[in-house]
């Protein structure tokens, strides 16, 4: 009878140790997952900022070209006269 009690006591202690190990592993997993999520959200924010900057530039360029053609032509002539006109190519 005493052996059963001692074995049970030892098993309960071992169960507690194993549960503690599982808990520690879960905490490490959660920390890793949270860090990975944080890094992904930072990358997404950078991409979002780049896309917004690009879309703003495209919107401004489109507005400038479509609503002010005389100013665009004047800038082209001015750049040509100053010899600062850059070649525009379609690299696509």
C-alpha atoms as a PDB file:
ATOM      1  CA  UNK A   1       0.000   0.000   0.000  1.00  0.00           C
ATOM      2  CA  UNK A   2       2.799   2.419   0.826  1.00  0.00           C
ATOM      3  CA  UNK A   3       4.431   1.656  -2.508  1.00  0.00           C
ATOM      4  CA  UNK A   4       1.267   2.585  -4.397  1.00  0.00           C
ATOM      5  CA  UNK A   5       1.104   5.883  -2.522  1.00  0.00           C
ATOM      6  CA  UNK A   6       4.792   6.655  -3.173  1.00  0.00           C
ATOM      7  CA  UNK A   7       4.408   5.717  -6.856  1.00  0.00           C
ATOM      8  CA  UNK A   8       1.308   7.906  -7.118  1.00  0.00           C
ATOM      9  CA  UNK A   9       3.094  10.778  -5.409  1.00  0.00           C
ATOM     10  CA  UNK A  10       6.083  10.418  -7.754  1.00  0.00           C
ATOM     11  CA  UNK A  11       3.731  10.264 -10.781  1.00  0.00           C
ATOM     12  CA  UNK A  12       1.942  13.437  -9.674  1.00  0.00           C
ATOM     13  CA  UNK A  13       5.254  15.277  -9.240  1.00  0.00           C
ATOM     14  CA  UNK A  14       6.380  14.047 -12.667  1.00  0.00           C
ATOM     15  CA  UNK A  15       3.055  15.103 -14.179  1.00  0.00           C
ATOM     16  CA  UNK A  16       3.556  18.588 -12.703  1.00  0.00           C
ATOM     17  CA  UNK A  17       7.069  18.773 -14.178  1.00  0.00           C
ATOM     18  CA  UNK A  18       5.826  17.663 -17.591  1.00  0.00           C
ATOM     19  CA  UNK A  19       2.952  20.142 -17.474  1.00  0.00           C
ATOM     20  CA  UNK A  20       5.433  22.895 -16.596  1.00  0.00           C
ATOM     21  CA  UNK A  21       7.555  21.867 -19.602  1.00  0.00           C
ATOM     22  CA  UNK A  22       4.546  22.002 -21.911  1.00  0.00           C
ATOM     23  CA  UNK A  23       3.598  25.400 -20.488  1.00  0.00           C
ATOM     24  CA  UNK A  24       7.114  26.744 -21.077  1.00  0.00           C
ATOM     25  CA  UNK A  25       7.100  25.384 -24.636  1.00  0.00           C
ATOM     26  CA  UNK A  26       3.723  27.042 -25.271  1.00  0.00           C
ATOM     27  CA  UNK A  27       5.037  30.351 -23.919  1.00  0.00           C
ATOM     28  CA  UNK A  28       8.077  30.160 -26.232  1.00  0.00           C
ATOM     29  CA  UNK A  29       5.803  29.296 -29.169  1.00  0.00           C
ATOM     30  CA  UNK A  30       3.488  32.227 -28.351  1.00  0.00           C
ATOM     31  CA  UNK A  31       6.436  34.620 -28.070  1.00  0.00           C
ATOM     32  CA  UNK A  32       7.828  33.435 -31.409  1.00  0.00           C
ATOM     33  CA  UNK A  33       4.439  33.725 -33.077  1.00  0.00           C
ATOM     34  CA  UNK A  34       3.902  37.214 -31.672  1.00  0.00           C
ATOM     35  CA  UNK A  35       7.346  38.338 -32.861  1.00  0.00           C
ATOM     36  CA  UNK A  36       6.729  36.883 -36.317  1.00  0.00           C
ATOM     37  CA  UNK A  37       3.367  38.650 -36.490  1.00  0.00           C
ATOM     38  CA  UNK A  38       4.938  41.934 -35.418  1.00  0.00           C
ATOM     39  CA  UNK A  39       7.613  41.639 -38.124  1.00  0.00           C
ATOM     40  CA  UNK A  40       5.014  40.804 -40.774  1.00  0.00           C
ATOM     41  CA  UNK A  41       2.858  43.781 -39.786  1.00  0.00           C
ATOM     42  CA  UNK A  42       5.918  46.040 -39.975  1.00  0.00           C
ATOM     43  CA  UNK A  43       6.665  44.727 -43.472  1.00  0.00           C
ATOM     44  CA  UNK A  44       3.038  45.217 -44.492  1.00  0.00           C
ATOM     45  CA  UNK A  45       3.147  48.790 -43.152  1.00  0.00           C
ATOM     46  CA  UNK A  46       6.282  49.524 -45.194  1.00  0.00           C
ATOM     47  CA  UNK A  47       4.670  48.097 -48.331  1.00  0.00           C
ATOM     48  CA  UNK A  48       1.495  50.090 -47.622  1.00  0.00           C
ATOM     49  CA  UNK A  49       3.509  53.291 -47.221  1.00  0.00           C
ATOM     50  CA  UNK A  50       5.403  52.613 -50.463  1.00  0.00           C
ATOM     51  CA  UNK A  51       2.161  51.918 -52.313  1.00  0.00           C
ATOM     52  CA  UNK A  52       0.554  55.100 -50.968  1.00  0.00           C
ATOM     53  CA  UNK A  53       3.593  57.156 -51.976  1.00  0.00           C
ATOM     54  CA  UNK A  54       3.553  55.631 -55.448  1.00  0.00           C
ATOM     55  CA  UNK A  55      -0.181  56.125 -55.877  1.00  0.00           C
ATOM     56  CA  UNK A  56       0.133  59.751 -54.742  1.00  0.00           C
ATOM     57  CA  UNK A  57       2.911  60.353 -57.263  1.00  0.00           C
ATOM     58  CA  UNK A  58       0.878  58.692 -60.008  1.00  0.00           C
ATOM     59  CA  UNK A  59      -2.217  60.684 -59.078  1.00  0.00           C
ATOM     60  CA  UNK A  60      -0.250  63.948 -59.093  1.00  0.00           C
ATOM     61  CA  UNK A  61       1.379  63.110 -62.409  1.00  0.00           C
ATOM     62  CA  UNK A  62      -1.943  62.151 -63.967  1.00  0.00           C
ATOM     63  CA  UNK A  63      -3.589  65.342 -62.695  1.00  0.00           C
ATOM     64  CA  UNK A  64      -0.690  67.426 -63.925  1.00  0.00           C
ATOM     65  CA  UNK A  65      -0.621  65.859 -67.383  1.00  0.00           C
ATOM     66  CA  UNK A  66      -4.378  65.825 -67.916  1.00  0.00           C
ATOM     67  CA  UNK A  67      -5.312  69.173 -66.402  1.00  0.00           C
ATOM     68  CA  UNK A  68      -2.309  71.319 -67.326  1.00  0.00           C
ATOM     69  CA  UNK A  69      -1.102  70.312 -70.801  1.00  0.00           C
ATOM     70  CA  UNK A  70       0.156  73.829 -71.556  1.00  0.00           C
ATOM     71  CA  UNK A  71       2.334  73.786 -68.453  1.00  0.00           C
ATOM     72  CA  UNK A  72       3.690  70.353 -69.391  1.00  0.00           C
ATOM     73  CA  UNK A  73       4.543  71.580 -72.887  1.00  0.00           C
ATOM     74  CA  UNK A  74       6.174  74.705 -71.450  1.00  0.00           C
ATOM     75  CA  UNK A  75       8.266  72.592 -69.073  1.00  0.00           C
ATOM     76  CA  UNK A  76       9.370  70.349 -71.942  1.00  0.00           C
ATOM     77  CA  UNK A  77      10.390  73.379 -74.012  1.00  0.00           C
ATOM     78  CA  UNK A  78      12.163  74.971 -71.041  1.00  0.00           C
ATOM     79  CA  UNK A  79      14.018  71.732 -70.266  1.00  0.00           C
ATOM     80  CA  UNK A  80      14.979  71.385 -73.916  1.00  0.00           C
ATOM     81  CA  UNK A  81      16.286  74.967 -73.992  1.00  0.00           C
ATOM     82  CA  UNK A  82      18.287  74.379 -70.812  1.00  0.00           C
ATOM     83  CA  UNK A  83      19.476  71.042 -72.171  1.00  0.00           C
ATOM     84  CA  UNK A  84      18.064  69.333 -69.071  1.00  0.00           C
ATOM     85  CA  UNK A  85      15.458  67.370 -70.979  1.00  0.00           C
ATOM     86  CA  UNK A  86      15.613  63.686 -70.070  1.00  0.00           C
ATOM     87  CA  UNK A  87      14.746  60.883 -72.409  1.00  0.00           C
ATOM     88  CA  UNK A  88      11.517  59.134 -71.544  1.00  0.00           C
ATOM     89  CA  UNK A  89      11.531  55.440 -72.341  1.00  0.00           C
ATOM     90  CA  UNK A  90       9.171  52.582 -71.801  1.00  0.00           C
ATOM     91  CA  UNK A  91      11.378  49.976 -70.136  1.00  0.00           C
ATOM     92  CA  UNK A  92       8.470  47.563 -69.825  1.00  0.00           C
END
